[in-house]
Amino acid sequence: TTAIVITWDDFGGFYDHVAPPQADDFGYGPRVPLIVISPYVKERI
């Protein structure tokens, strides 16, 4: 009955090629990894 979300807090200075959308004056920042783990996550997507 659990959903786990793993991410990283900021870009750390490392390269990423995707331009962040401009949400407001503060962000977004560069992409960070996201892994979602759960019995009900769509597998291998």
All heavy atoms as atom14 arrays in JSON, in Angstrom:
{
  "sequence": "TTAIVITWDDFGGFYDHVAPPQADDFGYGPRVPLIVISPYVKERI",
  "atom14_mask": [
    [1, 1, 1, 1, 1, 1, 1, 0, 0, 0, 0, 0, 0, 0],
    [1, 1, 1, 1, 1, 1, 1, 0, 0, 0, 0, 0, 0, 0],
    [1, 1, 1, 1, 1, 0, 0, 0, 0, 0, 0, 0, 0, 0],
    [1, 1, 1, 1, 1, 1, 1, 1, 0, 0, 0, 0, 0, 0],
    [1, 1, 1, 1, 1, 1, 1, 0, 0, 0, 0, 0, 0, 0],
    [1, 1, 1, 1, 1, 1, 1, 1, 0, 0, 0, 0, 0, 0],
    [1, 1, 1, 1, 1, 1, 1, 0, 0, 0, 0, 0, 0, 0],
    [1, 1, 1, 1, 1, 1, 1, 1, 1, 1, 1, 1, 1, 1],
    [1, 1, 1, 1, 1, 1, 1, 1, 0, 0, 0, 0, 0, 0],
    [1, 1, 1, 1, 1, 1, 1, 1, 0, 0, 0, 0, 0, 0],
    [1, 1, 1, 1, 1, 1, 1, 1, 1, 1, 1, 0, 0, 0],
    [1, 1, 1, 1, 0, 0, 0, 0, 0, 0, 0, 0, 0, 0],
    [1, 1, 1, 1, 0, 0, 0, 0, 0, 0, 0, 0, 0, 0],
    [1, 1, 1, 1, 1, 1, 1, 1, 1, 1, 1, 0, 0, 0],
    [1, 1, 1, 1, 1, 1, 1, 1, 1, 1, 1, 1, 0, 0],
    [1, 1, 1, 1, 1, 1, 1, 1, 0, 0, 0, 0, 0, 0],
    [1, 1, 1, 1, 1, 1, 1, 1, 1, 1, 0, 0, 0, 0],
    [1, 1, 1, 1, 1, 1, 1, 0, 0, 0, 0, 0, 0, 0],
    [1, 1, 1, 1, 1, 0, 0, 0, 0, 0, 0, 0, 0, 0],
    [1, 1, 1, 1, 1, 1, 1, 0, 0, 0, 0, 0, 0, 0],
    [1, 1, 1, 1, 1, 1, 1, 0, 0, 0, 0, 0, 0, 0],
    [1, 1, 1, 1, 1, 1, 1, 1, 1, 0, 0, 0, 0, 0],
    [1, 1, 1, 1, 1, 0, 0, 0, 0, 0, 0, 0, 0, 0],
    [1, 1, 1, 1, 1, 1, 1, 1, 0, 0, 0, 0, 0, 0],
    [1, 1, 1, 1, 1, 1, 1, 1, 0, 0, 0, 0, 0, 0],
    [1, 1, 1, 1, 1, 1, 1, 1, 1, 1, 1, 0, 0, 0],
    [1, 1, 1, 1, 0, 0, 0, 0, 0, 0, 0, 0, 0, 0],
    [1, 1, 1, 1, 1, 1, 1, 1, 1, 1, 1, 1, 0, 0],
    [1, 1, 1, 1, 0, 0, 0, 0, 0, 0, 0, 0, 0, 0],
    [1, 1, 1, 1, 1, 1, 1, 0, 0, 0, 0, 0, 0, 0],
    [1, 1, 1, 1, 1, 1, 1, 1, 1, 1, 1, 0, 0, 0],
    [1, 1, 1, 1, 1, 1, 1, 0, 0, 0, 0, 0, 0, 0],
    [1, 1, 1, 1, 1, 1, 1, 0, 0, 0, 0, 0, 0, 0],
    [1, 1, 1, 1, 1, 1, 1, 1, 0, 0, 0, 0, 0, 0],
    [1, 1, 1, 1, 1, 1, 1, 1, 0, 0, 0, 0, 0, 0],
    [1, 1, 1, 1, 1, 1, 1, 0, 0, 0, 0, 0, 0, 0],
    [1, 1, 1, 1, 1, 1, 1, 1, 0, 0, 0, 0, 0, 0],
    [1, 1, 1, 1, 1, 1, 0, 0, 0, 0, 0, 0, 0, 0],
    [1, 1, 1, 1, 1, 1, 1, 0, 0, 0, 0, 0, 0, 0],
    [1, 1, 1, 1, 1, 1, 1, 1, 1, 1, 1, 1, 0, 0],
    [1, 1, 1, 1, 1, 1, 1, 0, 0, 0, 0, 0, 0, 0],
    [1, 1, 1, 1, 1, 1, 1, 1, 1, 0, 0, 0, 0, 0],
    [1, 1, 1, 1, 1, 1, 1, 1, 1, 0, 0, 0, 0, 0],
    [1, 1, 1, 1, 1, 1, 1, 1, 1, 1, 1, 0, 0, 0],
    [1, 1, 1, 1, 1, 1, 1, 1, 0, 0, 0, 0, 0, 0]
  ],
  "atom14_positions": [
    [[0.82, -1.22, 0.0], [0.0, 0.0, 0.0], [0.85, 1.27, 0.0], [0.41, 2.32, 0.48], [-0.92, 0.02, 1.23], [-0.11, -0.05, 2.42], [-1.91, -1.15, 1.2], [0.0, 0.0, 0.0], [0.0, 0.0, 0.0], [0.0, 0.0, 0.0], [0.0, 0.0, 0.0], [0.0, 0.0, 0.0], [0.0, 0.0, 0.0], [0.0, 0.0, 0.0]],
    [[2.05, 1.18, -0.56], [3.01, 2.3, -0.48], [3.38, 2.82, -1.86], [3.51, 2.07, -2.81], [4.28, 1.86, 0.26], [3.94, 1.53, 1.61], [5.33, 2.96, 0.28], [0.0, 0.0, 0.0], [0.0, 0.0, 0.0], [0.0, 0.0, 0.0], [0.0, 0.0, 0.0], [0.0, 0.0, 0.0], [0.0, 0.0, 0.0], [0.0, 0.0, 0.0]],
    [[3.57, 4.14, -1.95], [4.16, 4.79, -3.11], [5.41, 5.53, -2.66], [5.36, 6.28, -1.67], [3.19, 5.77, -3.76], [0.0, 0.0, 0.0], [0.0, 0.0, 0.0], [0.0, 0.0, 0.0], [0.0, 0.0, 0.0], [0.0, 0.0, 0.0], [0.0, 0.0, 0.0], [0.0, 0.0, 0.0], [0.0, 0.0, 0.0], [0.0, 0.0, 0.0]],
    [[6.52, 5.3, -3.35], [7.81, 5.92, -3.02], [8.19, 6.84, -4.16], [8.19, 6.43, -5.33], [8.9, 4.85, -2.84], [8.47, 3.79, -1.82], [10.22, 5.49, -2.45], [9.32, 2.53, -1.85], [0.0, 0.0, 0.0], [0.0, 0.0, 0.0], [0.0, 0.0, 0.0], [0.0, 0.0, 0.0], [0.0, 0.0, 0.0], [0.0, 0.0, 0.0]],
    [[8.54, 8.07, -3.85], [9.01, 9.04, -4.84], [10.44, 9.43, -4.48], [10.69, 9.91, -3.38], [8.12, 10.29, -4.87], [8.62, 11.28, -5.92], [6.66, 9.92, -5.14], [0.0, 0.0, 0.0], [0.0, 0.0, 0.0], [0.0, 0.0, 0.0], [0.0, 0.0, 0.0], [0.0, 0.0, 0.0], [0.0, 0.0, 0.0], [0.0, 0.0, 0.0]],
    [[11.36, 9.2, -5.42], [12.77, 9.55, -5.21], [13.15, 10.64, -6.2], [12.92, 10.49, -7.41], [13.69, 8.34, -5.44], [13.23, 7.13, -4.62], [15.14, 8.69, -5.09], [13.94, 5.85, -5.0], [0.0, 0.0, 0.0], [0.0, 0.0, 0.0], [0.0, 0.0, 0.0], [0.0, 0.0, 0.0], [0.0, 0.0, 0.0], [0.0, 0.0, 0.0]],
    [[13.72, 11.71, -5.69], [14.23, 12.74, -6.58], [15.47, 13.38, -5.97], [15.9, 13.01, -4.89], [13.14, 13.8, -6.9], [13.59, 14.64, -7.96], [12.81, 14.66, -5.69], [0.0, 0.0, 0.0], [0.0, 0.0, 0.0], [0.0, 0.0, 0.0], [0.0, 0.0, 0.0], [0.0, 0.0, 0.0], [0.0, 0.0, 0.0], [0.0, 0.0, 0.0]],
    [[16.05, 14.34, -6.68], [17.28, 15.03, -6.27], [16.96, 16.51, -6.19], [16.2, 17.04, -6.99], [18.39, 14.72, -7.26], [19.0, 13.36, -7.08], [20.24, 13.09, -6.56], [18.43, 12.07, -7.39], [20.47, 11.72, -6.54], [19.37, 11.08, -7.04], [17.2, 11.65, -7.93], [19.13, 9.71, -7.2], [16.95, 10.28, -8.09], [17.92, 9.34, -7.73]],
    [[17.56, 17.21, -5.24], [17.05, 18.54, -4.87], [17.42, 19.66, -5.83], [16.72, 20.65, -5.92], [17.47, 18.89, -3.44], [18.95, 19.28, -3.35], [19.78, 18.76, -4.12], [19.28, 20.12, -2.48], [0.0, 0.0, 0.0], [0.0, 0.0, 0.0], [0.0, 0.0, 0.0], [0.0, 0.0, 0.0], [0.0, 0.0, 0.0], [0.0, 0.0, 0.0]],
    [[18.55, 19.54, -6.52], [18.92, 20.58, -7.48], [19.96, 20.01, -8.44], [20.39, 18.88, -8.31], [19.43, 21.85, -6.8], [20.76, 21.68, -6.06], [21.77, 21.36, -6.72], [20.8, 21.88, -4.84], [0.0, 0.0, 0.0], [0.0, 0.0, 0.0], [0.0, 0.0, 0.0], [0.0, 0.0, 0.0], [0.0, 0.0, 0.0], [0.0, 0.0, 0.0]],
    [[20.37, 20.82, -9.4], [21.21, 20.32, -10.5], [22.67, 20.11, -10.1], [23.42, 19.45, -10.83], [21.1, 21.26, -11.7], [21.94, 22.5, -11.65], [22.91, 22.74, -12.62], [21.76, 23.45, -10.65], [23.68, 23.9, -12.59], [22.51, 24.61, -10.62], [23.49, 24.84, -11.6], [0.0, 0.0, 0.0], [0.0, 0.0, 0.0], [0.0, 0.0, 0.0]],
    [[23.1, 20.69, -9.01], [24.45, 20.48, -8.51], [25.55, 21.02, -9.4], [26.73, 20.74, -9.17], [0.0, 0.0, 0.0], [0.0, 0.0, 0.0], [0.0, 0.0, 0.0], [0.0, 0.0, 0.0], [0.0, 0.0, 0.0], [0.0, 0.0, 0.0], [0.0, 0.0, 0.0], [0.0, 0.0, 0.0], [0.0, 0.0, 0.0], [0.0, 0.0, 0.0]],
    [[25.21, 21.77, -10.44], [26.2, 22.29, -11.38], [26.4, 21.41, -12.6], [27.14, 21.78, -13.51], [0.0, 0.0, 0.0], [0.0, 0.0, 0.0], [0.0, 0.0, 0.0], [0.0, 0.0, 0.0], [0.0, 0.0, 0.0], [0.0, 0.0, 0.0], [0.0, 0.0, 0.0], [0.0, 0.0, 0.0], [0.0, 0.0, 0.0], [0.0, 0.0, 0.0]],
    [[25.74, 20.25, -12.67], [25.97, 19.3, -13.76], [25.1, 19.6, -14.98], [24.0, 20.15, -14.87], [25.7, 17.87, -13.27], [26.66, 17.42, -12.21], [26.26, 17.32, -10.89], [27.98, 17.11, -12.54], [27.14, 16.91, -9.9], [28.87, 16.7, -11.56], [28.45, 16.61, -10.24], [0.0, 0.0, 0.0], [0.0, 0.0, 0.0], [0.0, 0.0, 0.0]],
    [[25.59, 19.17, -16.12], [24.95, 19.47, -17.41], [23.6, 18.78, -17.55], [23.42, 17.63, -17.16], [25.86, 19.03, -18.56], [25.26, 19.31, -19.92], [25.25, 20.61, -20.44], [24.67, 18.29, -20.66], [24.69, 20.87, -21.67], [24.1, 18.55, -21.89], [24.11, 19.85, -22.39], [23.54, 20.11, -23.62], [0.0, 0.0, 0.0], [0.0, 0.0, 0.0]],
    [[22.68, 19.5, -18.15], [21.44, 18.92, -18.67], [21.04, 19.72, -19.9], [21.23, 20.93, -19.94], [20.32, 18.94, -17.64], [19.18, 18.03, -18.06], [19.25, 16.81, -17.79], [18.22, 18.52, -18.69], [0.0, 0.0, 0.0], [0.0, 0.0, 0.0], [0.0, 0.0, 0.0], [0.0, 0.0, 0.0], [0.0, 0.0, 0.0], [0.0, 0.0, 0.0]],
    [[20.48, 19.03, -20.89], [20.24, 19.71, -22.17], [18.84, 20.29, -22.33], [18.61, 21.06, -23.27], [20.5, 18.74, -23.33], [19.38, 17.78, -23.61], [19.14, 16.67, -22.84], [18.44, 17.77, -24.59], [18.11, 16.01, -23.33], [17.66, 16.65, -24.38], [0.0, 0.0, 0.0], [0.0, 0.0, 0.0], [0.0, 0.0, 0.0], [0.0, 0.0, 0.0]],
    [[17.9, 19.97, -21.42], [16.52, 20.43, -21.58], [16.33, 21.76, -20.86], [16.57, 21.87, -19.66], [15.53, 19.38, -21.05], [14.1, 19.93, -21.11], [15.63, 18.09, -21.85], [0.0, 0.0, 0.0], [0.0, 0.0, 0.0], [0.0, 0.0, 0.0], [0.0, 0.0, 0.0], [0.0, 0.0, 0.0], [0.0, 0.0, 0.0], [0.0, 0.0, 0.0]],
    [[15.86, 22.75, -21.59], [15.62, 24.07, -21.0], [14.46, 24.01, -20.02], [13.38, 23.51, -20.37], [15.33, 25.09, -22.1], [0.0, 0.0, 0.0], [0.0, 0.0, 0.0], [0.0, 0.0, 0.0], [0.0, 0.0, 0.0], [0.0, 0.0, 0.0], [0.0, 0.0, 0.0], [0.0, 0.0, 0.0], [0.0, 0.0, 0.0], [0.0, 0.0, 0.0]],
    [[14.63, 24.5, -18.81], [13.52, 24.47, -17.86], [12.41, 25.43, -18.29], [12.67, 26.54, -18.74], [14.15, 24.96, -16.55], [15.62, 24.86, -16.74], [15.86, 25.04, -18.21], [0.0, 0.0, 0.0], [0.0, 0.0, 0.0], [0.0, 0.0, 0.0], [0.0, 0.0, 0.0], [0.0, 0.0, 0.0], [0.0, 0.0, 0.0], [0.0, 0.0, 0.0]],
    [[11.15, 25.02, -18.17], [10.05, 25.97, -18.38], [10.12, 27.1, -17.36], [10.63, 26.91, -16.25], [8.8, 25.11, -18.15], [9.25, 23.7, -18.29], [10.67, 23.66, -17.83], [0.0, 0.0, 0.0], [0.0, 0.0, 0.0], [0.0, 0.0, 0.0], [0.0, 0.0, 0.0], [0.0, 0.0, 0.0], [0.0, 0.0, 0.0], [0.0, 0.0, 0.0]],
    [[9.63, 28.26, -17.72], [9.61, 29.41, -16.82], [8.28, 29.41, -16.08], [7.25, 29.82, -16.61], [9.8, 30.71, -17.6], [9.93, 31.95, -16.72], [11.24, 31.95, -15.93], [12.28, 31.54, -16.42], [11.17, 32.41, -14.69], [0.0, 0.0, 0.0], [0.0, 0.0, 0.0], [0.0, 0.0, 0.0], [0.0, 0.0, 0.0], [0.0, 0.0, 0.0]],
    [[8.28, 28.92, -14.83], [7.05, 28.85, -14.06], [6.7, 30.2, -13.43], [5.55, 30.6, -13.39], [7.18, 27.79, -12.98], [0.0, 0.0, 0.0], [0.0, 0.0, 0.0], [0.0, 0.0, 0.0], [0.0, 0.0, 0.0], [0.0, 0.0, 0.0], [0.0, 0.0, 0.0], [0.0, 0.0, 0.0], [0.0, 0.0, 0.0], [0.0, 0.0, 0.0]],
    [[7.72, 30.88, -12.93], [7.56, 32.18, -12.29], [8.96, 32.78, -12.14], [9.9, 32.3, -12.78], [6.83, 32.07, -10.94], [7.46, 31.04, -10.01], [8.69, 30.81, -10.08], [6.73, 30.44, -9.2], [0.0, 0.0, 0.0], [0.0, 0.0, 0.0], [0.0, 0.0, 0.0], [0.0, 0.0, 0.0], [0.0, 0.0, 0.0], [0.0, 0.0, 0.0]],
    [[9.12, 33.77, -11.29], [10.41, 34.41, -11.15], [11.48, 33.51, -10.54], [12.67, 33.8, -10.63], [10.3, 35.68, -10.28], [9.51, 36.78, -10.96], [9.35, 36.7, -12.19], [9.04, 37.69, -10.26], [0.0, 0.0, 0.0], [0.0, 0.0, 0.0], [0.0, 0.0, 0.0], [0.0, 0.0, 0.0], [0.0, 0.0, 0.0], [0.0, 0.0, 0.0]],
    [[11.08, 32.4, -9.94], [12.02, 31.56, -9.2], [12.43, 30.29, -9.94], [13.48, 29.72, -9.64], [11.41, 31.18, -7.85], [11.1, 32.36, -6.98], [9.8, 32.81, -6.83], [12.11, 33.04, -6.33], [9.52, 33.91, -6.04], [11.84, 34.13, -5.54], [10.54, 34.58, -5.4], [0.0, 0.0, 0.0], [0.0, 0.0, 0.0], [0.0, 0.0, 0.0]],
    [[11.64, 29.83, -10.83], [11.95, 28.53, -11.44], [11.15, 28.29, -12.7], [10.39, 29.15, -13.13], [0.0, 0.0, 0.0], [0.0, 0.0, 0.0], [0.0, 0.0, 0.0], [0.0, 0.0, 0.0], [0.0, 0.0, 0.0], [0.0, 0.0, 0.0], [0.0, 0.0, 0.0], [0.0, 0.0, 0.0], [0.0, 0.0, 0.0], [0.0, 0.0, 0.0]],
    [[11.39, 27.15, -13.25], [12.04, 25.99, -12.68], [13.56, 26.03, -12.87], [14.07, 26.78, -13.68], [11.5, 24.71, -13.3], [10.01, 24.52, -13.16], [9.27, 23.98, -14.21], [9.34, 24.88, -12.0], [7.9, 23.81, -14.09], [7.98, 24.7, -11.88], [7.25, 24.16, -12.93], [5.9, 23.98, -12.81], [0.0, 0.0, 0.0], [0.0, 0.0, 0.0]],
    [[14.23, 25.13, -12.1], [15.63, 24.88, -12.32], [15.81, 23.72, -13.28], [14.85, 23.12, -13.76], [0.0, 0.0, 0.0], [0.0, 0.0, 0.0], [0.0, 0.0, 0.0], [0.0, 0.0, 0.0], [0.0, 0.0, 0.0], [0.0, 0.0, 0.0], [0.0, 0.0, 0.0], [0.0, 0.0, 0.0], [0.0, 0.0, 0.0], [0.0, 0.0, 0.0]],
    [[17.07, 23.36, -13.59], [17.33, 22.25, -14.51], [16.71, 20.93, -14.04], [16.38, 20.76, -12.87], [18.87, 22.16, -14.51], [19.32, 23.55, -14.17], [18.31, 24.06, -13.18], [0.0, 0.0, 0.0], [0.0, 0.0, 0.0], [0.0, 0.0, 0.0], [0.0, 0.0, 0.0], [0.0, 0.0, 0.0], [0.0, 0.0, 0.0], [0.0, 0.0, 0.0]],
    [[16.57, 20.02, -15.01], [15.98, 18.71, -14.71], [16.77, 17.95, -13.66], [18.0, 18.01, -13.61], [15.95, 17.83, -15.97], [14.94, 18.17, -17.0], [14.85, 17.07, -18.05], [16.14, 16.71, -18.63], [16.32, 15.69, -19.47], [15.3, 14.92, -19.82], [17.53, 15.43, -19.96], [0.0, 0.0, 0.0], [0.0, 0.0, 0.0], [0.0, 0.0, 0.0]],
    [[16.04, 17.21, -12.86], [16.64, 16.27, -11.91], [15.99, 14.91, -12.12], [14.89, 14.82, -12.67], [16.44, 16.76, -10.45], [17.25, 18.02, -10.2], [14.95, 17.0, -10.15], [0.0, 0.0, 0.0], [0.0, 0.0, 0.0], [0.0, 0.0, 0.0], [0.0, 0.0, 0.0], [0.0, 0.0, 0.0], [0.0, 0.0, 0.0], [0.0, 0.0, 0.0]],
    [[16.64, 13.83, -11.7], [16.03, 12.51, -11.88], [14.77, 12.35, -11.01], [14.64, 12.97, -9.95], [17.12, 11.54, -11.43], [18.4, 12.33, -11.52], [18.02, 13.73, -11.19], [0.0, 0.0, 0.0], [0.0, 0.0, 0.0], [0.0, 0.0, 0.0], [0.0, 0.0, 0.0], [0.0, 0.0, 0.0], [0.0, 0.0, 0.0], [0.0, 0.0, 0.0]],
    [[13.88, 11.5, -11.48], [12.66, 11.14, -10.75], [12.4, 9.66, -10.95], [12.3, 9.19, -12.09], [11.46, 11.95, -11.26], [10.09, 11.5, -10.72], [9.95, 11.85, -9.24], [8.96, 12.14, -11.53], [0.0, 0.0, 0.0], [0.0, 0.0, 0.0], [0.0, 0.0, 0.0], [0.0, 0.0, 0.0], [0.0, 0.0, 0.0], [0.0, 0.0, 0.0]],
    [[12.31, 8.92, -9.86], [11.94, 7.5, -9.89], [10.74, 7.32, -8.98], [10.75, 7.79, -7.83], [13.1, 6.6, -9.41], [14.36, 6.84, -10.24], [12.7, 5.14, -9.48], [15.6, 6.15, -9.69], [0.0, 0.0, 0.0], [0.0, 0.0, 0.0], [0.0, 0.0, 0.0], [0.0, 0.0, 0.0], [0.0, 0.0, 0.0], [0.0, 0.0, 0.0]],
    [[9.7, 6.68, -9.49], [8.5, 6.41, -8.7], [8.34, 4.89, -8.59], [8.36, 4.19, -9.61], [7.26, 7.06, -9.31], [6.03, 6.79, -8.44], [7.46, 8.57, -9.45], [0.0, 0.0, 0.0], [0.0, 0.0, 0.0], [0.0, 0.0, 0.0], [0.0, 0.0, 0.0], [0.0, 0.0, 0.0], [0.0, 0.0, 0.0], [0.0, 0.0, 0.0]],
    [[8.21, 4.41, -7.36], [8.2, 2.98, -7.07], [6.93, 2.65, -6.28], [6.64, 3.29, -5.27], [9.44, 2.59, -6.24], [10.72, 2.89, -7.02], [9.39, 1.12, -5.84], [11.99, 2.74, -6.2], [0.0, 0.0, 0.0], [0.0, 0.0, 0.0], [0.0, 0.0, 0.0], [0.0, 0.0, 0.0], [0.0, 0.0, 0.0], [0.0, 0.0, 0.0]],
    [[6.17, 1.69, -6.76], [4.95, 1.28, -6.08], [4.44, 0.01, -6.73], [4.73, -0.26, -7.91], [3.88, 2.38, -6.19], [2.64, 1.93, -5.67], [0.0, 0.0, 0.0], [0.0, 0.0, 0.0], [0.0, 0.0, 0.0], [0.0, 0.0, 0.0], [0.0, 0.0, 0.0], [0.0, 0.0, 0.0], [0.0, 0.0, 0.0], [0.0, 0.0, 0.0]],
    [[3.67, -0.8, -6.02], [3.03, -1.94, -6.68], [2.13, -1.53, -7.84], [1.84, -2.36, -8.71], [2.22, -2.59, -5.55], [2.87, -2.14, -4.29], [3.39, -0.76, -4.58], [0.0, 0.0, 0.0], [0.0, 0.0, 0.0], [0.0, 0.0, 0.0], [0.0, 0.0, 0.0], [0.0, 0.0, 0.0], [0.0, 0.0, 0.0], [0.0, 0.0, 0.0]],
    [[1.68, -0.27, -7.84], [0.72, 0.17, -8.85], [1.29, 1.17, -9.86], [0.54, 1.77, -10.63], [-0.51, 0.76, -8.17], [-1.25, -0.28, -7.36], [-1.08, -0.35, -5.98], [-2.07, -1.21, -7.98], [-1.73, -1.32, -5.23], [-2.73, -2.18, -7.24], [-2.55, -2.23, -5.87], [-3.19, -3.2, -5.13], [0.0, 0.0, 0.0], [0.0, 0.0, 0.0]],
    [[2.6, 1.35, -9.86], [3.21, 2.18, -10.89], [3.2, 1.43, -12.22], [3.41, 0.22, -12.27], [4.65, 2.56, -10.49], [5.47, 3.0, -11.69], [4.64, 3.66, -9.45], [0.0, 0.0, 0.0], [0.0, 0.0, 0.0], [0.0, 0.0, 0.0], [0.0, 0.0, 0.0], [0.0, 0.0, 0.0], [0.0, 0.0, 0.0], [0.0, 0.0, 0.0]],
    [[2.92, 2.15, -13.29], [3.0, 1.54, -14.63], [4.42, 1.05, -14.84], [5.37, 1.83, -14.78], [2.62, 2.56, -15.7], [1.17, 3.01, -15.62], [0.9, 4.19, -16.55], [-0.53, 4.66, -16.41], [-0.79, 5.89, -17.19], [0.0, 0.0, 0.0], [0.0, 0.0, 0.0], [0.0, 0.0, 0.0], [0.0, 0.0, 0.0], [0.0, 0.0, 0.0]],
    [[4.56, -0.22, -15.11], [5.89, -0.81, -15.14], [6.62, -0.49, -16.44], [6.05, -0.5, -17.52], [5.78, -2.32, -14.96], [5.19, -2.71, -13.6], [5.09, -4.2, -13.43], [6.12, -4.88, -13.57], [3.97, -4.69, -13.16], [0.0, 0.0, 0.0], [0.0, 0.0, 0.0], [0.0, 0.0, 0.0], [0.0, 0.0, 0.0], [0.0, 0.0, 0.0]],
    [[7.91, -0.19, -16.29], [8.83, 0.01, -17.41], [8.36, 1.14, -18.33], [8.33, 1.0, -19.54], [9.02, -1.29, -18.2], [9.64, -2.41, -17.37], [9.86, -3.66, -18.21], [10.55, -4.67, -17.42], [9.95, -5.58, -16.67], [8.62, -5.59, -16.61], [10.64, -6.46, -16.0], [0.0, 0.0, 0.0], [0.0, 0.0, 0.0], [0.0, 0.0, 0.0]],
    [[8.0, 2.26, -17.72], [7.63, 3.42, -18.54], [8.55, 4.59, -18.21], [9.13, 4.68, -17.12], [6.15, 3.83, -18.38], [5.82, 4.19, -16.91], [5.23, 2.73, -18.86], [5.9, 5.63, -16.6], [0.0, 0.0, 0.0], [0.0, 0.0, 0.0], [0.0, 0.0, 0.0], [0.0, 0.0, 0.0], [0.0, 0.0, 0.0], [0.0, 0.0, 0.0]]
  ]
}
